[in-house]
Protein backbone atom coordinates (compact mmCIF):
# COMPACT_ATOMS: atom_id res chain seq x y z
CA MET A 1 -3.67 -62.25 -17.47
CA LYS A 2 -3.80 -59.34 -14.83
CA ARG A 3 -4.70 -57.03 -17.77
CA ALA A 4 -8.47 -59.46 -17.75
CA LEU A 5 -8.36 -59.94 -13.85
CA PHE A 6 -7.81 -56.26 -13.37
CA CYS A 7 -11.08 -55.23 -15.85
CA PHE A 8 -12.96 -58.68 -13.49
CA LEU A 9 -12.45 -56.63 -10.70
CA ALA A 10 -13.33 -53.21 -12.20
CA VAL A 11 -16.76 -54.40 -13.42
CA ILE A 12 -17.42 -55.85 -9.95
CA VAL A 13 -17.04 -52.61 -7.63
CA VAL A 14 -18.41 -50.61 -10.64
CA VAL A 15 -22.24 -52.44 -10.42
CA GLY A 16 -23.91 -51.82 -13.30
CA PHE A 17 -20.36 -51.84 -15.67
CA THR A 18 -20.32 -54.05 -18.42
CA VAL A 19 -17.07 -55.92 -19.35
CA GLY A 20 -15.89 -53.65 -21.48
CA ASP A 21 -16.99 -50.62 -19.28
CA GLY A 22 -15.00 -51.68 -17.18
CA CYS A 23 -11.90 -51.90 -18.97
CA ALA A 24 -12.40 -48.70 -20.27
CA TRP A 25 -12.82 -46.77 -16.70
CA ALA A 26 -9.86 -49.15 -15.21
CA GLN A 27 -7.78 -47.37 -18.09
CA ALA A 28 -8.73 -44.04 -17.13
CA GLN A 29 -7.37 -44.61 -14.03
CA GLN A 30 -4.41 -44.77 -15.23
CA THR A 31 -4.39 -41.97 -17.84
CA PRO A 32 -1.44 -39.07 -16.45
CA GLN A 33 -4.20 -36.07 -17.33
CA GLN A 34 -6.25 -34.59 -14.20
CA ALA A 35 -9.64 -34.29 -13.83
CA TRP A 36 -9.50 -31.21 -13.03
CA GLN A 37 -8.04 -30.17 -15.98
CA GLN A 38 -10.85 -30.92 -18.27
CA ILE A 39 -13.18 -28.75 -16.35
CA ALA A 40 -14.36 -25.46 -18.72
CA ILE A 41 -14.06 -22.62 -16.82
CA PRO A 42 -16.29 -19.56 -17.59
CA LYS A 43 -14.97 -16.39 -18.90
CA LEU A 44 -14.94 -13.58 -15.64
CA PRO A 45 -18.33 -11.71 -16.04
CA ALA A 46 -18.55 -7.84 -16.31
CA PHE A 47 -17.19 -6.01 -13.52
CA HIS A 48 -20.05 -3.86 -12.32
CA PRO A 49 -20.01 -2.20 -9.10
CA ALA A 50 -22.92 -0.33 -7.08
CA GLN A 51 -21.98 3.37 -8.49
CA PRO A 52 -21.80 6.01 -5.83
CA LYS A 53 -23.74 9.17 -5.92
CA ARG A 54 -21.23 12.01 -6.79
CA ILE A 55 -22.65 15.86 -5.64
CA GLU A 56 -20.53 18.98 -5.98
CA LEU A 57 -21.07 21.61 -3.75
CA PRO A 58 -21.11 24.97 -4.93
CA ASN A 59 -18.43 26.02 -2.15
CA GLY A 60 -16.27 22.99 -3.97
CA MET A 61 -16.64 19.93 -1.58
CA VAL A 62 -16.81 16.47 -3.31
CA VAL A 63 -19.50 14.58 -2.10
CA PHE A 64 -19.86 10.69 -2.58
CA LEU A 65 -22.68 8.85 -1.45
CA GLN A 66 -22.59 5.26 -0.75
CA GLU A 67 -25.77 3.02 0.18
CA ASP A 68 -25.23 -0.42 1.88
CA HIS A 69 -27.94 -1.14 3.56
CA GLU A 70 -26.59 -4.87 4.92
CA LEU A 71 -25.67 -3.63 8.72
CA PRO A 72 -27.17 -1.18 10.36
CA THR A 73 -24.47 1.49 10.46
CA ILE A 74 -22.97 4.13 8.75
CA ASP A 75 -19.59 5.61 8.19
CA GLY A 76 -18.03 8.54 6.94
CA THR A 77 -14.15 9.99 5.95
CA ALA A 78 -13.05 13.48 4.82
CA ARG A 79 -10.02 13.22 2.66
CA ILE A 80 -8.72 16.93 3.08
CA ARG A 81 -5.35 17.84 0.13
CA GLY A 82 -2.16 18.74 2.23
CA GLY A 83 0.17 16.22 3.85
CA GLU A 84 3.78 15.66 4.52
CA GLN A 85 4.82 16.41 1.39
CA SER A 86 3.98 20.40 1.73
CA VAL A 87 5.81 20.57 4.86
CA PRO A 88 9.27 22.03 5.21
CA ALA A 89 12.29 20.05 6.15
CA ASN A 90 12.59 21.45 9.33
CA LYS A 91 9.05 20.23 10.34
CA THR A 92 9.11 16.90 9.06
CA GLY A 93 6.56 14.68 11.43
CA LEU A 94 4.53 17.81 11.74
CA MET A 95 2.01 15.85 9.62
CA ASP A 96 2.11 12.78 12.23
CA VAL A 97 1.90 15.21 15.50
CA TYR A 98 -0.83 17.13 13.50
CA GLY A 99 -3.26 13.72 12.42
CA GLU A 100 -2.89 12.61 15.92
CA VAL A 101 -3.53 16.02 18.29
CA TRP A 102 -6.37 17.00 15.87
CA ARG A 103 -8.77 14.05 17.55
CA THR A 104 -7.44 14.01 20.50
CA GLY A 105 -7.11 18.35 21.74
CA GLY A 106 -10.59 17.91 21.25
CA THR A 107 -12.57 21.22 20.57
CA LYS A 108 -13.24 24.69 21.83
CA THR A 109 -15.96 23.00 23.33
CA GLN A 110 -15.35 19.76 24.57
CA THR A 111 -11.82 17.99 25.37
CA GLY A 112 -10.51 15.00 23.53
CA ASP A 113 -11.22 13.13 26.92
CA GLN A 114 -14.34 14.11 26.62
CA LEU A 115 -15.60 13.51 23.67
CA ASP A 116 -13.75 9.92 24.18
CA ASP A 117 -16.45 9.58 27.04
CA TYR A 118 -19.22 10.52 25.11
CA LEU A 119 -18.75 8.46 21.64
CA GLU A 120 -17.48 5.02 23.71
CA GLN A 121 -21.14 5.60 25.13
CA ARG A 122 -22.14 4.87 21.39
CA ALA A 123 -19.58 2.78 20.54
CA ALA A 124 -18.74 4.97 17.95
CA LYS A 125 -15.40 6.22 16.45
CA VAL A 126 -14.09 9.85 15.27
CA GLU A 127 -10.79 9.41 14.21
CA THR A 128 -8.06 11.42 12.37
CA GLY A 129 -4.33 10.89 10.91
CA GLY A 130 -2.09 12.86 8.53
CA GLY A 131 0.13 11.68 5.13
CA GLY A 132 1.94 12.15 2.39
CA ASP A 133 -0.49 13.61 0.31
CA ALA A 134 -3.83 14.27 2.39
CA THR A 135 -5.04 14.27 6.33
CA THR A 136 -8.71 12.42 6.94
CA ILE A 137 -10.97 12.64 9.75
CA SER A 138 -13.86 10.13 10.14
CA TRP A 139 -16.50 8.40 11.92
CA SER A 140 -18.27 5.11 12.32
CA CYS A 141 -21.43 4.75 14.29
CA LEU A 142 -24.57 2.78 14.91
CA LYS A 143 -27.95 4.53 12.45
CA GLU A 144 -29.07 5.81 15.66
CA ASP A 145 -27.21 7.44 16.53
CA PHE A 146 -25.86 9.03 13.20
CA ASP A 147 -26.98 12.81 14.42
CA ASP A 148 -24.84 12.81 17.63
CA VAL A 149 -21.62 11.28 15.66
CA PHE A 150 -22.19 13.34 13.34
CA ARG A 151 -21.69 16.45 15.29
CA VAL A 152 -19.09 15.42 16.66
CA PHE A 153 -17.30 14.90 13.92
CA GLU A 154 -18.59 18.22 12.28
CA ASP A 155 -17.53 20.07 15.49
CA VAL A 156 -13.75 17.81 15.00
CA LEU A 157 -13.46 19.19 11.48
CA LYS A 158 -13.70 23.07 11.75
CA ASN A 159 -13.36 23.73 15.72
CA PRO A 160 -10.35 21.67 17.02
CA GLU A 161 -8.10 23.18 19.74
CA PHE A 162 -4.99 21.34 19.24
CA ARG A 163 -4.49 21.39 23.31
CA ALA A 164 -0.38 21.84 24.35
CA GLU A 165 -1.06 18.90 27.30
CA LYS A 166 -2.12 16.30 23.92
CA ILE A 167 0.75 17.82 21.59
CA GLU A 168 3.02 16.82 23.76
CA ILE A 169 2.33 13.50 24.44
CA ALA A 170 2.00 12.48 20.48
CA GLN A 171 5.45 14.05 20.49
CA LYS A 172 6.46 11.77 23.28
CA GLY A 173 5.64 9.13 21.05
CA MET A 174 7.32 10.37 18.35
CA TYR A 175 10.79 10.46 20.05
CA ASP A 176 10.03 7.24 21.05
CA GLY A 177 9.89 5.80 17.69
CA ILE A 178 12.64 7.52 16.53
CA SER A 179 14.72 6.08 19.26
CA ARG A 180 13.40 2.49 17.93
CA ARG A 181 14.05 2.93 14.02
CA ASN A 182 16.95 0.80 13.89
CA ASP A 183 15.86 -2.13 15.73
CA GLU A 184 14.37 -4.12 12.87
CA ALA A 185 16.34 -4.65 9.43
CA SER A 186 13.32 -4.82 7.55
CA GLN A 187 11.97 -1.31 8.68
CA ILE A 188 15.93 -0.34 7.91
CA ALA A 189 16.07 -1.48 4.57
CA GLY A 190 12.19 0.16 3.57
CA ARG A 191 13.61 3.53 4.60
CA GLU A 192 16.64 3.44 3.30
CA ALA A 193 15.61 1.71 -0.18
CA ALA A 194 13.26 5.13 -0.43
CA LYS A 195 16.12 7.53 -0.08
CA LEU A 196 17.94 5.75 -2.73
CA VAL A 197 15.20 5.91 -4.90
CA TYR A 198 14.17 9.26 -4.32
CA GLY A 199 16.77 11.51 -2.21
CA ALA A 200 17.25 11.40 1.25
CA ASN A 201 15.58 15.18 1.61
CA ASN A 202 13.01 14.58 -0.57
CA PRO A 203 9.33 14.02 1.27
CA TYR A 204 8.51 10.54 -0.51
CA ALA A 205 11.41 9.41 1.68
CA ARG A 206 12.73 11.79 4.50
CA VAL A 207 12.18 10.94 8.25
CA ALA A 208 11.28 12.73 11.53
CA GLU A 209 14.42 13.84 13.78
CA TYR A 210 14.40 14.59 17.18
CA ALA A 211 15.12 18.44 15.96
CA THR A 212 12.10 18.26 13.44
CA VAL A 213 9.97 16.65 15.48
CA ALA A 214 11.28 19.26 19.07
CA ALA A 215 10.64 22.16 16.52
CA ILE A 216 6.92 21.52 16.25
CA THR A 217 4.34 24.23 17.59
CA ARG A 218 0.57 24.52 18.08
CA GLN A 219 1.07 27.72 16.35
CA ASP A 220 1.95 25.34 12.81
CA LEU A 221 -0.84 23.01 13.43
CA ILE A 222 -3.37 26.15 14.38
CA GLU A 223 -2.09 27.40 10.98
CA TRP A 224 -1.66 24.63 9.49
CA HIS A 225 -5.08 23.96 9.67
CA ALA A 226 -6.31 26.84 8.98
CA ARG A 227 -4.73 27.04 5.27
CA TYR A 228 -5.71 23.26 4.55
CA VAL A 229 -8.97 22.38 6.35
CA HIS A 230 -11.39 24.29 3.51
CA PRO A 231 -14.47 22.85 1.59
CA ASN A 232 -13.15 23.26 -1.76
CA ASN A 233 -10.08 21.16 -0.94
CA ILE A 234 -12.24 18.34 0.85
CA ILE A 235 -13.93 15.30 -0.22
CA LEU A 236 -16.06 13.64 1.95
CA GLY A 237 -17.69 10.23 1.25
CA VAL A 238 -20.30 8.28 3.30
CA VAL A 239 -21.28 4.72 3.27
CA GLY A 240 -24.32 2.91 4.83
CA ASP A 241 -27.79 2.46 6.06
CA PHE A 242 -29.29 6.08 4.89
CA ASP A 243 -31.41 6.89 2.27
CA ALA A 244 -28.93 9.28 -0.17
CA ALA A 245 -31.42 11.93 -0.82
CA LYS A 246 -32.15 12.82 2.87
CA MET A 247 -28.33 11.92 3.61
CA GLU A 248 -27.41 14.68 0.82
CA ALA A 249 -29.76 17.35 2.12
CA ARG A 250 -28.24 16.39 5.63
CA LEU A 251 -24.71 17.08 4.31
CA ARG A 252 -26.14 20.75 1.93
CA LEU A 253 -27.22 21.45 5.62
CA ALA A 254 -24.21 21.45 7.70
CA PHE A 255 -21.67 22.45 4.89
CA GLY A 256 -23.35 24.23 2.20
CA ALA A 257 -22.61 27.48 3.53
CA TRP A 258 -19.12 27.11 4.22
CA PRO A 259 -17.35 29.29 2.00
CA ARG A 260 -14.63 29.06 0.19
CA GLY A 261 -10.77 29.25 1.53
CA GLU A 262 -7.22 29.34 -0.79
CA ALA A 263 -7.03 26.19 -3.17
CA ALA A 264 -4.22 23.55 -2.10
CA GLY A 265 -1.42 23.49 -3.52
CA ARG A 266 0.39 20.83 -4.98
CA PRO A 267 4.95 21.45 -4.62
CA GLU A 268 7.18 20.16 -7.23
CA ILE A 269 8.64 17.12 -6.10
CA LYS A 270 11.53 15.88 -8.05
CA PRO A 271 13.73 12.41 -7.39
CA GLU A 272 17.13 12.68 -6.95
CA PRO A 273 18.01 9.22 -7.47
CA ALA A 274 21.58 7.25 -5.51
CA LYS A 275 24.19 6.58 -8.04
CA PRO A 276 23.52 2.69 -9.08
CA GLY A 277 25.99 0.61 -6.89
CA TYR A 278 26.05 -1.30 -3.89
CA TYR A 279 24.90 0.20 -0.46
CA GLN A 280 25.53 -1.82 2.87
CA VAL A 281 24.24 -1.49 5.97
CA ASP A 282 26.24 -2.87 8.57
CA LYS A 283 23.30 -4.75 11.34
CA THR A 284 25.41 -7.30 13.51
CA ASP A 285 23.03 -8.68 15.55
CA VAL A 286 21.23 -10.52 12.80
CA ASN A 287 21.89 -13.94 10.99
CA GLN A 288 20.15 -12.85 7.70
CA SER A 289 19.96 -9.85 5.72
CA ASN A 290 17.59 -7.96 3.48
CA ILE A 291 18.55 -7.50 -0.06
CA GLN A 292 16.65 -4.91 -2.13
CA MET A 293 17.11 -3.75 -5.63
CA VAL A 294 15.60 -0.43 -6.43
CA ALA A 295 15.12 2.19 -9.06
CA LEU A 296 12.38 4.56 -10.03
CA GLY A 297 8.90 3.00 -11.26
CA ILE A 298 6.09 4.84 -12.64
CA THR A 299 2.85 6.17 -11.96
CA ARG A 300 -0.67 4.62 -12.54
CA ARG A 301 -1.10 6.78 -15.69
CA ASN A 302 1.33 5.54 -17.47
CA PRO A 303 -0.03 3.31 -20.33
CA ASP A 304 2.06 0.44 -19.81
CA TYR A 305 0.07 0.46 -16.26
CA PHE A 306 -1.71 -2.84 -17.05
CA ALA A 307 1.02 -4.73 -18.66
CA ILE A 308 3.49 -4.37 -15.45
CA SER A 309 0.60 -5.17 -13.04
CA VAL A 310 0.68 -8.54 -15.29
CA LEU A 311 4.74 -7.93 -15.58
CA ASN A 312 4.70 -7.95 -11.82
CA GLU A 313 2.53 -11.12 -10.89
CA ALA A 314 4.34 -13.64 -13.32
CA PHE A 315 7.64 -12.54 -12.21
CA GLY A 316 7.95 -11.55 -8.57
CA GLY A 317 4.27 -11.22 -7.29
CA GLY A 318 3.11 -14.23 -5.66
CA PHE A 319 4.69 -18.06 -5.16
CA SER A 320 3.51 -19.39 -7.99
CA SER A 321 5.99 -16.05 -9.91
CA ARG A 322 9.37 -17.13 -10.97
CA MET A 323 11.44 -15.04 -8.83
CA PHE A 324 9.47 -17.50 -5.82
CA GLY A 325 10.24 -20.83 -7.61
CA ASP A 326 13.82 -20.54 -8.57
CA ILE A 327 15.09 -18.56 -5.92
CA ARG A 328 13.12 -19.92 -3.06
CA THR A 329 11.93 -23.10 -3.84
CA SER A 330 14.27 -24.60 -6.78
CA LYS A 331 17.60 -23.01 -4.78
CA GLY A 332 16.54 -22.66 -1.54
CA LEU A 333 18.01 -19.17 -1.18
CA ALA A 334 15.24 -16.79 0.27
CA TYR A 335 12.23 -16.78 3.86
CA ALA A 336 10.92 -14.51 1.30
CA VAL A 337 11.11 -13.15 -2.53
CA GLY A 338 9.35 -10.44 -4.70
CA GLY A 339 8.55 -7.02 -6.09
CA GLY A 340 8.09 -5.80 -9.15
CA VAL A 341 7.43 -2.07 -10.70
CA GLY A 342 5.83 -0.45 -8.61
CA ALA A 343 2.82 2.58 -9.81
CA GLY A 344 2.34 5.63 -7.38
CA TRP A 345 -1.30 7.28 -7.83
CA ASP A 346 0.71 10.85 -8.31
CA HIS A 347 3.79 10.50 -8.06
CA ASP A 348 6.71 7.63 -10.18
CA GLY A 349 6.60 4.40 -7.47
CA MET A 350 9.70 2.85 -6.57
CA LEU A 351 10.85 -0.77 -8.60
CA ARG A 352 11.86 -2.52 -6.10
CA LEU A 353 13.07 -6.50 -6.50
CA MET A 354 13.71 -7.90 -3.03
CA VAL A 355 15.23 -11.26 -1.00
CA SER A 356 15.54 -12.06 2.74
CA THR A 357 18.37 -14.54 2.98
CA LYS A 358 20.17 -16.22 5.85
CA SER A 359 23.96 -14.18 6.04
CA LYS A 360 26.24 -17.03 4.27
CA THR A 361 23.81 -16.84 0.73
CA THR A 362 24.18 -13.30 0.88
CA ILE A 363 26.42 -12.95 -2.28
CA GLU A 364 24.49 -15.89 -3.92
CA SER A 365 21.33 -14.59 -3.62
CA ILE A 366 22.24 -11.30 -5.01
CA ALA A 367 23.40 -13.49 -7.47
CA ALA A 368 20.44 -15.24 -7.98
CA LEU A 369 18.35 -11.44 -8.63
CA ASP A 370 21.16 -10.75 -11.27
CA GLU A 371 20.37 -14.40 -12.92
CA GLU A 372 16.59 -13.39 -13.23
CA ILE A 373 16.88 -9.90 -14.33
CA ASP A 374 18.97 -11.33 -17.37
CA ASP A 375 16.61 -14.37 -18.32
CA LEU A 376 13.37 -12.30 -18.86
CA ASP A 377 15.58 -11.38 -22.30
CA LYS A 378 16.79 -14.81 -22.99
CA HIS A 379 13.61 -16.59 -21.46
CA PRO A 380 10.27 -13.32 -21.63
CA ILE A 381 7.46 -14.53 -19.79
CA ASN A 382 5.28 -17.08 -21.43
CA ASP A 383 2.09 -17.97 -22.43
CA GLU A 384 1.40 -20.47 -19.01
CA GLU A 385 2.76 -17.63 -16.92
CA ILE A 386 1.17 -14.63 -18.01
CA LYS A 387 -2.58 -17.10 -18.00
CA ARG A 388 -1.90 -17.61 -14.68
CA ALA A 389 -0.83 -14.14 -13.66
CA LYS A 390 -3.71 -13.11 -15.14
CA ASP A 391 -6.43 -15.22 -13.43
CA SER A 392 -4.32 -14.37 -10.60
CA ILE A 393 -5.19 -10.74 -10.45
CA LEU A 394 -8.62 -10.73 -11.84
CA ASN A 395 -9.64 -14.11 -9.87
CA SER A 396 -8.31 -11.57 -6.54
CA PHE A 397 -10.30 -8.31 -8.13
CA VAL A 398 -13.46 -9.31 -6.51
CA PHE A 399 -12.01 -9.92 -3.13
CA ARG A 400 -10.50 -5.89 -3.45
CA PHE A 401 -13.60 -4.03 -4.59
CA ASP A 402 -16.19 -7.05 -2.72
CA SER A 403 -18.25 -4.15 -0.55
CA PRO A 404 -19.39 -0.79 -1.03
CA GLU A 405 -17.63 0.44 0.83
CA LYS A 406 -14.06 -0.32 -0.99
CA VAL A 407 -15.64 0.88 -3.98
CA LEU A 408 -16.32 3.87 -2.19
CA GLN A 409 -13.46 4.33 -1.25
CA GLU A 410 -11.61 3.71 -4.80
CA LYS A 411 -13.52 6.12 -6.45
CA MET A 412 -12.62 8.91 -3.58
CA ALA A 413 -8.78 8.00 -4.39
CA TYR A 414 -9.62 8.78 -8.41
CA GLU A 415 -11.65 11.72 -7.52
CA PHE A 416 -8.45 12.92 -4.96
CA TYR A 417 -5.62 12.21 -7.80
CA GLY A 418 -7.96 13.46 -10.89
CA TYR A 419 -8.16 10.10 -12.77
CA PRO A 420 -11.01 9.09 -14.39
CA LEU A 421 -14.11 7.96 -12.42
CA ASP A 422 -14.63 4.85 -14.92
CA PHE A 423 -11.03 3.51 -13.83
CA LEU A 424 -11.56 0.83 -11.69
CA GLU A 425 -14.13 -0.45 -14.11
CA ASN A 426 -12.14 -0.64 -17.35
CA PHE A 427 -9.05 -2.11 -14.47
CA GLN A 428 -10.32 -5.68 -15.88
CA LYS A 429 -10.38 -4.92 -19.52
CA GLY A 430 -7.09 -3.66 -19.52
CA ILE A 431 -5.62 -6.67 -17.36
CA GLU A 432 -7.50 -8.89 -20.56
CA ALA A 433 -6.13 -6.95 -22.83
CA VAL A 434 -2.44 -7.42 -22.39
CA THR A 435 -0.39 -9.61 -24.60
CA ARG A 436 2.68 -11.70 -24.56
CA GLU A 437 4.59 -9.17 -26.31
CA ASP A 438 3.42 -6.59 -23.93
CA VAL A 439 4.98 -8.06 -20.95
CA ALA A 440 8.13 -8.36 -22.84
CA LYS A 441 8.17 -5.19 -24.55
CA VAL A 442 7.85 -3.57 -20.49
CA ALA A 443 10.20 -5.85 -19.16
CA ALA A 444 12.50 -4.88 -21.46
CA LYS A 445 11.78 -1.00 -20.95
CA TYR A 446 12.18 -1.39 -16.90
CA LEU A 447 14.17 -3.85 -15.65
CA HIS A 448 17.86 -2.36 -16.25
CA ARG A 449 20.27 -4.36 -13.48
CA GLU A 450 22.65 -1.86 -14.35
CA LYS A 451 20.35 1.10 -13.21
CA MET A 452 19.70 -0.57 -9.96
CA ALA A 453 20.91 0.41 -6.92
CA VAL A 454 21.29 -2.71 -4.93
CA LEU A 455 20.97 -2.22 -0.05
CA VAL A 456 22.25 -4.88 1.81
CA VAL A 457 20.90 -4.80 5.16
CA GLY A 458 23.10 -7.30 7.17
CA ASN A 459 25.64 -8.46 9.44
CA VAL A 460 28.44 -7.95 6.86
CA ALA A 461 30.93 -9.98 9.12
CA GLU A 462 29.25 -13.65 7.87
CA PHE A 463 28.37 -12.78 3.99
CA ASP A 464 29.50 -15.84 2.08
CA LYS A 465 31.28 -12.69 0.35
CA PRO A 466 32.03 -9.34 0.95
CA LEU A 467 29.92 -6.98 -1.14
CA SER A 468 33.10 -5.60 -2.68
CA SER A 469 34.11 -8.75 -4.72
CA LEU A 470 30.41 -6.99 -6.65
CA GLY A 471 31.61 -4.24 -7.19
CA SER A 472 31.76 -0.85 -5.26
CA VAL A 473 30.19 -0.25 -1.86
CA THR A 474 29.04 2.90 -0.25
CA LYS A 475 28.43 2.51 3.41
CA LEU A 476 24.87 3.63 4.58
CA ASP A 477 25.49 5.39 8.49
CA ILE A 478 21.99 5.42 10.19
CA ALA A 479 22.72 6.71 13.35
CA ILE A 480 20.10 8.74 14.57
CA PRO A 481 21.10 12.38 15.36
CA ALA A 482 21.45 13.32 18.80
CA PRO A 483 18.24 15.34 20.88
CA PRO A 484 19.07 18.58 20.46
CA PRO A 485 19.64 20.64 24.41
CA GLY A 486 17.00 21.05 26.29
CA LEU A 487 15.16 18.05 25.79
CA MET A 488 14.11 16.01 28.36
CA PRO A 489 16.02 12.11 28.58
CA GLU A 490 13.16 10.49 29.10
CA GLN A 491 11.43 12.01 26.36
CA GLY A 492 14.32 10.74 23.34
CA GLU A 493 16.74 9.04 25.29
CA HIS A 494 19.63 8.66 21.93
CA PRO A 495 21.09 5.35 21.86
């Protein structure tokens, strides 16, 4: 009787239905399957981004030109081989000082302050920076101001002055940063984890100290520039509202006669990982713990790169990952959780699994991470998880390269590190080809709990159990070495 009445009401509400239609409609509303699950999702189209034009000048400079006429702007970046990895340990921090003073120190004809005024009048920028394996200099301007701004860019590139007063300002800024580097637990965890993976004296992990920064001189900057800034060490990318043929002619005129210099070598850097075990930093002014399980990762050249990308996404890559669902959602142990096997461009990245939790669940959270790793063997990543991971990677892929500028920067990276220039286009195919067996294989190959170092940064007195209840513990000393004699207190006070 009730079902008949419900069908009758359905006929009244849905005009034009027969009694049979009304009953079918009513039954459909009671079906648990959601309508969105029935929507057919088309296969992603092939990825064919606009290709920049690659030019190699006779002196070895490589240029990429990417036309983009959406806005009346022109931006350029020169990436120069040579960075902190080539700096001697007693000058650690040199690239930070160099990267700042290269621009603020001005040129032989204009001070940095004069360049600031000149560029601000044109709403333009010329900026420099130092990095681990490269230094950069870039510009950004309106199309109509290109000639004026490019002259500044070229002058800074070729004729920096490195004025002493700007070096002093850069050093003072670094002293301040050194004095504050133990303020944030997350910063401590990231820094100390890198040391455990690569070694404390490795260029990929070492940190600047008062003494190493104080040792940097103007002559160091001049010599560095003379050693590395040559056309055959430069990759220049230009994107914006220009005609590629005319831009090529302009760049050939600017750089074609610039003579080659000594090619930048790449130092051999061998990691010295810490022994697997437990490492502790006691930070008494916090009420939560930063936990990191770490080991060496891989490079993107590794044939396992695509399978690892899928594993990372499924296991610890986001809100839908297994680690997030189990440790944060189900167990309620973590503020943040995730990680995976990192892949570097030219050196092994870091395998890193991370949890941030309240102090009183520190040991419980480590146990939860252990359980997640062990469970991969018992319950490998399944087809549904793999599909969700692939969809997440591929659906977000377009947003990573949704502009000509992003594509240009990626192509420049391939050129810089010696990757095939079609690596980007083949990424989608590589991800789509990954199978469940591939993911299980790389999980078994790379995720070995017994080979990981476990770092805990937190308030030891508030842990649910002592870290030593899990095994032998190494206490890490993060005290900041005092400034050298003669360094003014206001330049670098030591807490």
